[in-house]
Amino acid sequence: NGLGLRRPAGGIVATLYKHLALWPGMLNLTWSLLEP
C-alpha cells in the first residue's frame, strides 16, 4: 500500500491488496512485480 504514493495515503488502505490477501502467494508475486 506504500508503493506508488505521490500524496500521503490519509489512512486509505487499498481494498485490492486486502482482497488479494486471500491468496498470500499472490501478494508475493505482486511485490516482486511492483517493487522494482
PDB file of all heavy atoms in Angstrom:
ATOM      1  N   ASN A   1       0.809  -1.212   0.000  1.00  0.00           N
ATOM      2  CA  ASN A   1       0.000   0.000   0.000  1.00  0.00           C
ATOM      3  C   ASN A   1       0.851   1.275   0.000  1.00  0.00           C
ATOM      4  O   ASN A   1       0.358   2.348  -0.327  1.00  0.00           O
ATOM      5  CB  ASN A   1      -0.931   0.003   1.215  1.00  0.00           C
ATOM      6  CG  ASN A   1      -2.039   1.012   1.106  1.00  0.00           C
ATOM      7  OD1 ASN A   1      -2.854   0.962   0.187  1.00  0.00           O
ATOM      8  ND2 ASN A   1      -2.081   1.967   2.037  1.00  0.00           N
ATOM      9  N   GLY A   2       2.123   1.143   0.342  1.00  0.00           N
ATOM     10  CA  GLY A   2       3.015   2.294   0.327  1.00  0.00           C
ATOM     11  C   GLY A   2       3.691   2.538  -1.006  1.00  0.00           C
ATOM     12  O   GLY A   2       4.409   3.539  -1.157  1.00  0.00           O
ATOM     13  N   LEU A   3       3.472   1.659  -1.985  1.00  0.00           N
ATOM     14  CA  LEU A   3       4.125   1.803  -3.280  1.00  0.00           C
ATOM     15  C   LEU A   3       3.338   2.748  -4.183  1.00  0.00           C
ATOM     16  O   LEU A   3       2.105   2.739  -4.207  1.00  0.00           O
ATOM     17  CB  LEU A   3       4.242   0.439  -3.973  1.00  0.00           C
ATOM     18  CG  LEU A   3       5.039  -0.635  -3.234  1.00  0.00           C
ATOM     19  CD1 LEU A   3       5.070  -1.930  -4.054  1.00  0.00           C
ATOM     20  CD2 LEU A   3       6.451  -0.177  -2.919  1.00  0.00           C
ATOM     21  N   GLY A   4       4.066   3.579  -4.925  1.00  0.00           N
ATOM     22  CA  GLY A   4       3.442   4.453  -5.903  1.00  0.00           C
ATOM     23  C   GLY A   4       2.800   5.697  -5.337  1.00  0.00           C
ATOM     24  O   GLY A   4       2.094   6.411  -6.055  1.00  0.00           O
ATOM     25  N   LEU A   5       3.025   5.982  -4.077  1.00  0.00           N
ATOM     26  CA  LEU A   5       2.388   7.148  -3.459  1.00  0.00           C
ATOM     27  C   LEU A   5       2.986   8.443  -3.986  1.00  0.00           C
ATOM     28  O   LEU A   5       4.195   8.612  -4.022  1.00  0.00           O
ATOM     29  CB  LEU A   5       2.554   7.106  -1.941  1.00  0.00           C
ATOM     30  CG  LEU A   5       1.668   6.127  -1.168  1.00  0.00           C
ATOM     31  CD1 LEU A   5       2.074   6.125   0.292  1.00  0.00           C
ATOM     32  CD2 LEU A   5       0.201   6.505  -1.315  1.00  0.00           C
ATOM     33  N   ARG A   6       2.137   9.360  -4.365  1.00  0.00           N
ATOM     34  CA  ARG A   6       2.565  10.712  -4.702  1.00  0.00           C
ATOM     35  C   ARG A   6       1.986  11.725  -3.723  1.00  0.00           C
ATOM     36  O   ARG A   6       2.325  12.898  -3.756  1.00  0.00           O
ATOM     37  CB  ARG A   6       2.175  11.090  -6.132  1.00  0.00           C
ATOM     38  CG  ARG A   6       0.689  11.173  -6.373  1.00  0.00           C
ATOM     39  CD  ARG A   6       0.350  11.320  -7.849  1.00  0.00           C
ATOM     40  NE  ARG A   6      -1.069  11.637  -8.004  1.00  0.00           N
ATOM     41  CZ  ARG A   6      -1.529  12.799  -8.456  1.00  0.00           C
ATOM     42  NH1 ARG A   6      -0.693  13.751  -8.812  1.00  0.00           N
ATOM     43  NH2 ARG A   6      -2.821  13.002  -8.558  1.00  0.00           N
ATOM     44  N   ARG A   7       1.058  11.268  -2.880  1.00  0.00           N
ATOM     45  CA  ARG A   7       0.469  12.056  -1.808  1.00  0.00           C
ATOM     46  C   ARG A   7       0.399  11.143  -0.581  1.00  0.00           C
ATOM     47  O   ARG A   7       0.361   9.927  -0.724  1.00  0.00           O
ATOM     48  CB  ARG A   7      -0.953  12.504  -2.154  1.00  0.00           C
ATOM     49  CG  ARG A   7      -1.106  13.287  -3.433  1.00  0.00           C
ATOM     50  CD  ARG A   7      -0.833  14.767  -3.225  1.00  0.00           C
ATOM     51  NE  ARG A   7      -1.253  15.543  -4.385  1.00  0.00           N
ATOM     52  CZ  ARG A   7      -0.532  15.694  -5.491  1.00  0.00           C
ATOM     53  NH1 ARG A   7       0.657  15.102  -5.590  1.00  0.00           N
ATOM     54  NH2 ARG A   7      -0.976  16.420  -6.508  1.00  0.00           N
ATOM     55  N   PRO A   8       0.334  11.701   0.631  1.00  0.00           N
ATOM     56  CA  PRO A   8       0.073  10.852   1.797  1.00  0.00           C
ATOM     57  C   PRO A   8      -1.227  10.079   1.612  1.00  0.00           C
ATOM     58  O   PRO A   8      -2.202  10.591   1.054  1.00  0.00           O
ATOM     59  CB  PRO A   8      -0.029  11.870   2.949  1.00  0.00           C
ATOM     60  CG  PRO A   8       0.772  13.045   2.491  1.00  0.00           C
ATOM     61  CD  PRO A   8       0.565  13.126   1.002  1.00  0.00           C
ATOM     62  N   ALA A   9      -1.235   8.838   2.074  1.00  0.00           N
ATOM     63  CA  ALA A   9      -2.382   7.962   1.830  1.00  0.00           C
ATOM     64  C   ALA A   9      -3.600   8.341   2.660  1.00  0.00           C
ATOM     65  O   ALA A   9      -4.714   7.892   2.361  1.00  0.00           O
ATOM     66  CB  ALA A   9      -2.009   6.513   2.098  1.00  0.00           C
ATOM     67  N   GLY A  10      -3.413   9.137   3.703  1.00  0.00           N
ATOM     68  CA  GLY A  10      -4.560   9.567   4.502  1.00  0.00           C
ATOM     69  C   GLY A  10      -5.302   8.434   5.172  1.00  0.00           C
ATOM     70  O   GLY A  10      -6.506   8.535   5.418  1.00  0.00           O
ATOM     71  N   GLY A  11      -4.597   7.332   5.477  1.00  0.00           N
ATOM     72  CA  GLY A  11      -5.244   6.192   6.116  1.00  0.00           C
ATOM     73  C   GLY A  11      -5.964   5.263   5.167  1.00  0.00           C
ATOM     74  O   GLY A  11      -6.591   4.292   5.607  1.00  0.00           O
ATOM     75  N   ILE A  12      -5.901   5.519   3.861  1.00  0.00           N
ATOM     76  CA  ILE A  12      -6.562   4.655   2.880  1.00  0.00           C
ATOM     77  C   ILE A  12      -5.684   3.428   2.633  1.00  0.00           C
ATOM     78  O   ILE A  12      -4.531   3.551   2.232  1.00  0.00           O
ATOM     79  CB  ILE A  12      -6.792   5.392   1.553  1.00  0.00           C
ATOM     80  CG1 ILE A  12      -7.692   6.613   1.761  1.00  0.00           C
ATOM     81  CG2 ILE A  12      -7.400   4.445   0.513  1.00  0.00           C
ATOM     82  CD1 ILE A  12      -7.767   7.525   0.551  1.00  0.00           C
ATOM     83  N   VAL A  13      -6.225   2.260   2.881  1.00  0.00           N
ATOM     84  CA  VAL A  13      -5.562   1.002   2.535  1.00  0.00           C
ATOM     85  C   VAL A  13      -6.328   0.408   1.360  1.00  0.00           C
ATOM     86  O   VAL A  13      -7.526   0.108   1.478  1.00  0.00           O
ATOM     87  CB  VAL A  13      -5.539   0.017   3.720  1.00  0.00           C
ATOM     88  CG1 VAL A  13      -4.879  -1.296   3.298  1.00  0.00           C
ATOM     89  CG2 VAL A  13      -4.799   0.627   4.910  1.00  0.00           C
ATOM     90  N   ALA A  14      -5.660   0.264   0.230  1.00  0.00           N
ATOM     91  CA  ALA A  14      -6.326  -0.182  -0.997  1.00  0.00           C
ATOM     92  C   ALA A  14      -6.989  -1.539  -0.783  1.00  0.00           C
ATOM     93  O   ALA A  14      -6.334  -2.509  -0.386  1.00  0.00           O
ATOM     94  CB  ALA A  14      -5.327  -0.250  -2.139  1.00  0.00           C
ATOM     95  N   THR A  15      -8.273  -1.609  -1.077  1.00  0.00           N
ATOM     96  CA  THR A  15      -9.014  -2.849  -0.858  1.00  0.00           C
ATOM     97  C   THR A  15      -8.527  -3.963  -1.774  1.00  0.00           C
ATOM     98  O   THR A  15      -8.618  -5.142  -1.420  1.00  0.00           O
ATOM     99  CB  THR A  15     -10.519  -2.608  -1.073  1.00  0.00           C
ATOM    100  OG1 THR A  15     -10.913  -1.422  -0.380  1.00  0.00           O
ATOM    101  CG2 THR A  15     -11.336  -3.766  -0.538  1.00  0.00           C
ATOM    102  N   LEU A  16      -8.000  -3.627  -2.942  1.00  0.00           N
ATOM    103  CA  LEU A  16      -7.483  -4.662  -3.840  1.00  0.00           C
ATOM    104  C   LEU A  16      -6.445  -5.519  -3.132  1.00  0.00           C
ATOM    105  O   LEU A  16      -6.473  -6.754  -3.222  1.00  0.00           O
ATOM    106  CB  LEU A  16      -6.877  -4.027  -5.095  1.00  0.00           C
ATOM    107  CG  LEU A  16      -6.146  -4.987  -6.046  1.00  0.00           C
ATOM    108  CD1 LEU A  16      -7.071  -6.087  -6.543  1.00  0.00           C
ATOM    109  CD2 LEU A  16      -5.539  -4.226  -7.217  1.00  0.00           C
ATOM    110  N   TYR A  17      -5.529  -4.880  -2.408  1.00  0.00           N
ATOM    111  CA  TYR A  17      -4.487  -5.646  -1.728  1.00  0.00           C
ATOM    112  C   TYR A  17      -5.086  -6.531  -0.629  1.00  0.00           C
ATOM    113  O   TYR A  17      -4.660  -7.680  -0.436  1.00  0.00           O
ATOM    114  CB  TYR A  17      -3.440  -4.717  -1.124  1.00  0.00           C
ATOM    115  CG  TYR A  17      -2.623  -3.960  -2.145  1.00  0.00           C
ATOM    116  CD1 TYR A  17      -2.346  -2.605  -1.972  1.00  0.00           C
ATOM    117  CD2 TYR A  17      -2.116  -4.596  -3.277  1.00  0.00           C
ATOM    118  CE1 TYR A  17      -1.586  -1.910  -2.893  1.00  0.00           C
ATOM    119  CE2 TYR A  17      -1.362  -3.901  -4.211  1.00  0.00           C
ATOM    120  CZ  TYR A  17      -1.094  -2.549  -4.011  1.00  0.00           C
ATOM    121  OH  TYR A  17      -0.344  -1.851  -4.926  1.00  0.00           O
ATOM    122  N   LYS A  18      -6.086  -6.018   0.080  1.00  0.00           N
ATOM    123  CA  LYS A  18      -6.724  -6.840   1.112  1.00  0.00           C
ATOM    124  C   LYS A  18      -7.471  -8.015   0.486  1.00  0.00           C
ATOM    125  O   LYS A  18      -7.470  -9.114   1.035  1.00  0.00           O
ATOM    126  CB  LYS A  18      -7.664  -5.975   1.965  1.00  0.00           C
ATOM    127  CG  LYS A  18      -6.927  -4.971   2.839  1.00  0.00           C
ATOM    128  CD  LYS A  18      -7.829  -4.296   3.869  1.00  0.00           C
ATOM    129  CE  LYS A  18      -8.730  -3.265   3.280  1.00  0.00           C
ATOM    130  NZ  LYS A  18      -9.450  -2.483   4.325  1.00  0.00           N
ATOM    131  N   HIS A  19      -8.076  -7.787  -0.669  1.00  0.00           N
ATOM    132  CA  HIS A  19      -8.793  -8.875  -1.351  1.00  0.00           C
ATOM    133  C   HIS A  19      -7.804  -9.937  -1.826  1.00  0.00           C
ATOM    134  O   HIS A  19      -8.056 -11.144  -1.704  1.00  0.00           O
ATOM    135  CB  HIS A  19      -9.585  -8.312  -2.529  1.00  0.00           C
ATOM    136  CG  HIS A  19     -10.965  -8.869  -2.617  1.00  0.00           C
ATOM    137  ND1 HIS A  19     -12.039  -8.164  -3.128  1.00  0.00           N
ATOM    138  CD2 HIS A  19     -11.470 -10.075  -2.271  1.00  0.00           C
ATOM    139  CE1 HIS A  19     -13.130  -8.918  -3.092  1.00  0.00           C
ATOM    140  NE2 HIS A  19     -12.806 -10.083  -2.588  1.00  0.00           N
ATOM    141  N   LEU A  20      -6.677  -9.487  -2.376  1.00  0.00           N
ATOM    142  CA  LEU A  20      -5.670 -10.446  -2.848  1.00  0.00           C
ATOM    143  C   LEU A  20      -4.997 -11.186  -1.705  1.00  0.00           C
ATOM    144  O   LEU A  20      -4.366 -12.227  -1.925  1.00  0.00           O
ATOM    145  CB  LEU A  20      -4.623  -9.724  -3.695  1.00  0.00           C
ATOM    146  CG  LEU A  20      -5.118  -9.144  -5.025  1.00  0.00           C
ATOM    147  CD1 LEU A  20      -3.979  -8.437  -5.759  1.00  0.00           C
ATOM    148  CD2 LEU A  20      -5.732 -10.222  -5.918  1.00  0.00           C
ATOM    149  N   ALA A  21      -5.133 -10.666  -0.481  1.00  0.00           N
ATOM    150  CA  ALA A  21      -4.549 -11.339   0.684  1.00  0.00           C
ATOM    151  C   ALA A  21      -5.202 -12.689   0.954  1.00  0.00           C
ATOM    152  O   ALA A  21      -4.676 -13.485   1.739  1.00  0.00           O
ATOM    153  CB  ALA A  21      -4.659 -10.441   1.916  1.00  0.00           C
ATOM    154  N   LEU A  22      -6.342 -12.959   0.311  1.00  0.00           N
ATOM    155  CA  LEU A  22      -6.914 -14.308   0.395  1.00  0.00           C
ATOM    156  C   LEU A  22      -5.970 -15.341  -0.194  1.00  0.00           C
ATOM    157  O   LEU A  22      -6.075 -16.537   0.107  1.00  0.00           O
ATOM    158  CB  LEU A  22      -8.252 -14.346  -0.347  1.00  0.00           C
ATOM    159  CG  LEU A  22      -9.398 -13.534   0.274  1.00  0.00           C
ATOM    160  CD1 LEU A  22     -10.571 -13.458  -0.698  1.00  0.00           C
ATOM    161  CD2 LEU A  22      -9.829 -14.149   1.593  1.00  0.00           C
ATOM    162  N   TRP A  23      -5.047 -14.875  -1.047  1.00  0.00           N
ATOM    163  CA  TRP A  23      -4.032 -15.736  -1.656  1.00  0.00           C
ATOM    164  C   TRP A  23      -2.660 -15.108  -1.340  1.00  0.00           C
ATOM    165  O   TRP A  23      -2.130 -14.322  -2.171  1.00  0.00           O
ATOM    166  CB  TRP A  23      -4.226 -15.823  -3.166  1.00  0.00           C
ATOM    167  CG  TRP A  23      -5.583 -16.306  -3.577  1.00  0.00           C
ATOM    168  CD1 TRP A  23      -5.989 -17.599  -3.738  1.00  0.00           C
ATOM    169  CD2 TRP A  23      -6.725 -15.497  -3.907  1.00  0.00           C
ATOM    170  NE1 TRP A  23      -7.293 -17.644  -4.150  1.00  0.00           N
ATOM    171  CE2 TRP A  23      -7.779 -16.367  -4.262  1.00  0.00           C
ATOM    172  CE3 TRP A  23      -6.956 -14.111  -3.944  1.00  0.00           C
ATOM    173  CZ2 TRP A  23      -9.036 -15.916  -4.637  1.00  0.00           C
ATOM    174  CZ3 TRP A  23      -8.216 -13.651  -4.312  1.00  0.00           C
ATOM    175  CH2 TRP A  23      -9.235 -14.539  -4.647  1.00  0.00           C
ATOM    176  N   PRO A  24      -2.069 -15.398  -0.181  1.00  0.00           N
ATOM    177  CA  PRO A  24      -0.807 -14.739   0.189  1.00  0.00           C
ATOM    178  C   PRO A  24       0.285 -14.859  -0.865  1.00  0.00           C
ATOM    179  O   PRO A  24       1.084 -13.939  -1.045  1.00  0.00           O
ATOM    180  CB  PRO A  24      -0.420 -15.451   1.491  1.00  0.00           C
ATOM    181  CG  PRO A  24      -1.736 -15.852   2.082  1.00  0.00           C
ATOM    182  CD  PRO A  24      -2.586 -16.250   0.910  1.00  0.00           C
ATOM    183  N   GLY A  25       0.311 -15.967  -1.594  1.00  0.00           N
ATOM    184  CA  GLY A  25       1.297 -16.105  -2.655  1.00  0.00           C
ATOM    185  C   GLY A  25       1.133 -15.049  -3.732  1.00  0.00           C
ATOM    186  O   GLY A  25       2.114 -14.613  -4.348  1.00  0.00           O
ATOM    187  N   MET A  26      -0.101 -14.612  -3.968  1.00  0.00           N
ATOM    188  CA  MET A  26      -0.345 -13.555  -4.953  1.00  0.00           C
ATOM    189  C   MET A  26       0.236 -12.236  -4.470  1.00  0.00           C
ATOM    190  O   MET A  26       0.732 -11.435  -5.273  1.00  0.00           O
ATOM    191  CB  MET A  26      -1.848 -13.430  -5.218  1.00  0.00           C
ATOM    192  CG  MET A  26      -2.189 -12.357  -6.250  1.00  0.00           C
ATOM    193  SD  MET A  26      -1.435 -12.683  -7.873  1.00  0.00           S
ATOM    194  CE  MET A  26      -1.717 -11.111  -8.693  1.00  0.00           C
ATOM    195  N   LEU A  27       0.181 -11.988  -3.171  1.00  0.00           N
ATOM    196  CA  LEU A  27       0.799 -10.773  -2.639  1.00  0.00           C
ATOM    197  C   LEU A  27       2.307 -10.789  -2.878  1.00  0.00           C
ATOM    198  O   LEU A  27       2.906  -9.752  -3.185  1.00  0.00           O
ATOM    199  CB  LEU A  27       0.509 -10.631  -1.144  1.00  0.00           C
ATOM    200  CG  LEU A  27      -0.942 -10.351  -0.740  1.00  0.00           C
ATOM    201  CD1 LEU A  27      -1.022 -10.202   0.777  1.00  0.00           C
ATOM    202  CD2 LEU A  27      -1.490  -9.110  -1.425  1.00  0.00           C
ATOM    203  N   ASN A  28       2.922 -11.957  -2.738  1.00  0.00           N
ATOM    204  CA  ASN A  28       4.363 -12.064  -3.003  1.00  0.00           C
ATOM    205  C   ASN A  28       4.671 -11.795  -4.470  1.00  0.00           C
ATOM    206  O   ASN A  28       5.641 -11.091  -4.798  1.00  0.00           O
ATOM    207  CB  ASN A  28       4.878 -13.447  -2.589  1.00  0.00           C
ATOM    208  CG  ASN A  28       4.864 -13.648  -1.092  1.00  0.00           C
ATOM    209  OD1 ASN A  28       5.115 -12.709  -0.333  1.00  0.00           O
ATOM    210  ND2 ASN A  28       4.560 -14.860  -0.654  1.00  0.00           N
ATOM    211  N   LEU A  29       3.861 -12.353  -5.374  1.00  0.00           N
ATOM    212  CA  LEU A  29       4.047 -12.080  -6.799  1.00  0.00           C
ATOM    213  C   LEU A  29       3.865 -10.586  -7.090  1.00  0.00           C
ATOM    214  O   LEU A  29       4.614  -9.994  -7.882  1.00  0.00           O
ATOM    215  CB  LEU A  29       3.057 -12.886  -7.627  1.00  0.00           C
ATOM    216  CG  LEU A  29       3.334 -14.373  -7.842  1.00  0.00           C
ATOM    217  CD1 LEU A  29       2.183 -15.018  -8.596  1.00  0.00           C
ATOM    218  CD2 LEU A  29       4.640 -14.585  -8.604  1.00  0.00           C
ATOM    219  N   THR A  30       2.872  -9.985  -6.451  1.00  0.00           N
ATOM    220  CA  THR A  30       2.606  -8.565  -6.656  1.00  0.00           C
ATOM    221  C   THR A  30       3.780  -7.715  -6.196  1.00  0.00           C
ATOM    222  O   THR A  30       4.187  -6.766  -6.882  1.00  0.00           O
ATOM    223  CB  THR A  30       1.325  -8.161  -5.908  1.00  0.00           C
ATOM    224  OG1 THR A  30       0.232  -8.945  -6.395  1.00  0.00           O
ATOM    225  CG2 THR A  30       1.011  -6.688  -6.091  1.00  0.00           C
ATOM    226  N   TRP A  31       4.354  -8.063  -5.053  1.00  0.00           N
ATOM    227  CA  TRP A  31       5.530  -7.323  -4.567  1.00  0.00           C
ATOM    228  C   TRP A  31       6.696  -7.459  -5.542  1.00  0.00           C
ATOM    229  O   TRP A  31       7.380  -6.479  -5.850  1.00  0.00           O
ATOM    230  CB  TRP A  31       5.930  -7.827  -3.187  1.00  0.00           C
ATOM    231  CG  TRP A  31       7.145  -7.136  -2.645  1.00  0.00           C
ATOM    232  CD1 TRP A  31       8.439  -7.575  -2.706  1.00  0.00           C
ATOM    233  CD2 TRP A  31       7.193  -5.856  -1.999  1.00  0.00           C
ATOM    234  NE1 TRP A  31       9.289  -6.655  -2.127  1.00  0.00           N
ATOM    235  CE2 TRP A  31       8.549  -5.596  -1.678  1.00  0.00           C
ATOM    236  CE3 TRP A  31       6.224  -4.919  -1.657  1.00  0.00           C
ATOM    237  CZ2 TRP A  31       8.953  -4.421  -1.033  1.00  0.00           C
ATOM    238  CZ3 TRP A  31       6.620  -3.755  -1.012  1.00  0.00           C
ATOM    239  CH2 TRP A  31       7.966  -3.521  -0.714  1.00  0.00           C
ATOM    240  N   SER A  32       6.902  -8.678  -6.045  1.00  0.00           N
ATOM    241  CA  SER A  32       8.017  -8.897  -6.972  1.00  0.00           C
ATOM    242  C   SER A  32       7.845  -8.110  -8.259  1.00  0.00           C
ATOM    243  O   SER A  32       8.833  -7.747  -8.914  1.00  0.00           O
ATOM    244  CB  SER A  32       8.168 -10.397  -7.283  1.00  0.00           C
ATOM    245  OG  SER A  32       7.105 -10.859  -8.106  1.00  0.00           O
ATOM    246  N   LEU A  33       6.603  -7.819  -8.634  1.00  0.00           N
ATOM    247  CA  LEU A  33       6.328  -7.030  -9.834  1.00  0.00           C
ATOM    248  C   LEU A  33       6.486  -5.536  -9.568  1.00  0.00           C
ATOM    249  O   LEU A  33       7.114  -4.812 -10.351  1.00  0.00           O
ATOM    250  CB  LEU A  33       4.904  -7.315 -10.320  1.00  0.00           C
ATOM    251  CG  LEU A  33       4.378  -6.429 -11.451  1.00  0.00           C
ATOM    252  CD1 LEU A  33       5.079  -6.754 -12.765  1.00  0.00           C
ATOM    253  CD2 LEU A  33       2.866  -6.595 -11.600  1.00  0.00           C
ATOM    254  N   LEU A  34       5.907  -5.061  -8.477  1.00  0.00           N
ATOM    255  CA  LEU A  34       5.792  -3.621  -8.254  1.00  0.00           C
ATOM    256  C   LEU A  34       7.016  -2.995  -7.596  1.00  0.00           C
ATOM    257  O   LEU A  34       7.328  -1.823  -7.878  1.00  0.00           O
ATOM    258  CB  LEU A  34       4.562  -3.330  -7.383  1.00  0.00           C
ATOM    259  CG  LEU A  34       3.202  -3.711  -7.969  1.00  0.00           C
ATOM    260  CD1 LEU A  34       2.094  -3.333  -6.998  1.00  0.00           C
ATOM    261  CD2 LEU A  34       2.976  -3.048  -9.324  1.00  0.00           C
ATOM    262  N   GLU A  35       7.706  -3.722  -6.736  1.00  0.00           N
ATOM    263  CA  GLU A  35       8.814  -3.107  -6.009  1.00  0.00           C
ATOM    264  C   GLU A  35       9.925  -2.626  -6.930  1.00  0.00           C
ATOM    265  O   GLU A  35      10.436  -1.504  -6.751  1.00  0.00           O
ATOM    266  CB  GLU A  35       9.347  -4.074  -4.944  1.00  0.00           C
ATOM    267  CG  GLU A  35      10.269  -3.462  -3.926  1.00  0.00           C
ATOM    268  CD  GLU A  35      11.714  -3.365  -4.396  1.00  0.00           C
ATOM    269  OE1 GLU A  35      12.096  -4.187  -5.267  1.00  0.00           O
ATOM    270  OE2 GLU A  35      12.450  -2.486  -3.885  1.00  0.00           O
ATOM    271  N   PRO A  36      10.326  -3.387  -7.971  1.00  0.00           N
ATOM    272  CA  PRO A  36      11.327  -2.848  -8.913  1.00  0.00           C
ATOM    273  C   PRO A  36      10.818  -1.610  -9.653  1.00  0.00           C
ATOM    274  O   PRO A  36      11.601  -0.693  -9.938  1.00  0.00           O
ATOM    275  CB  PRO A  36      11.585  -4.021  -9.879  1.00  0.00           C
ATOM    276  CG  PRO A  36      11.195  -5.235  -9.104  1.00  0.00           C
ATOM    277  CD  PRO A  36      10.042  -4.815  -8.251  1.00  0.00           C
TER     278      PRO A  36
END
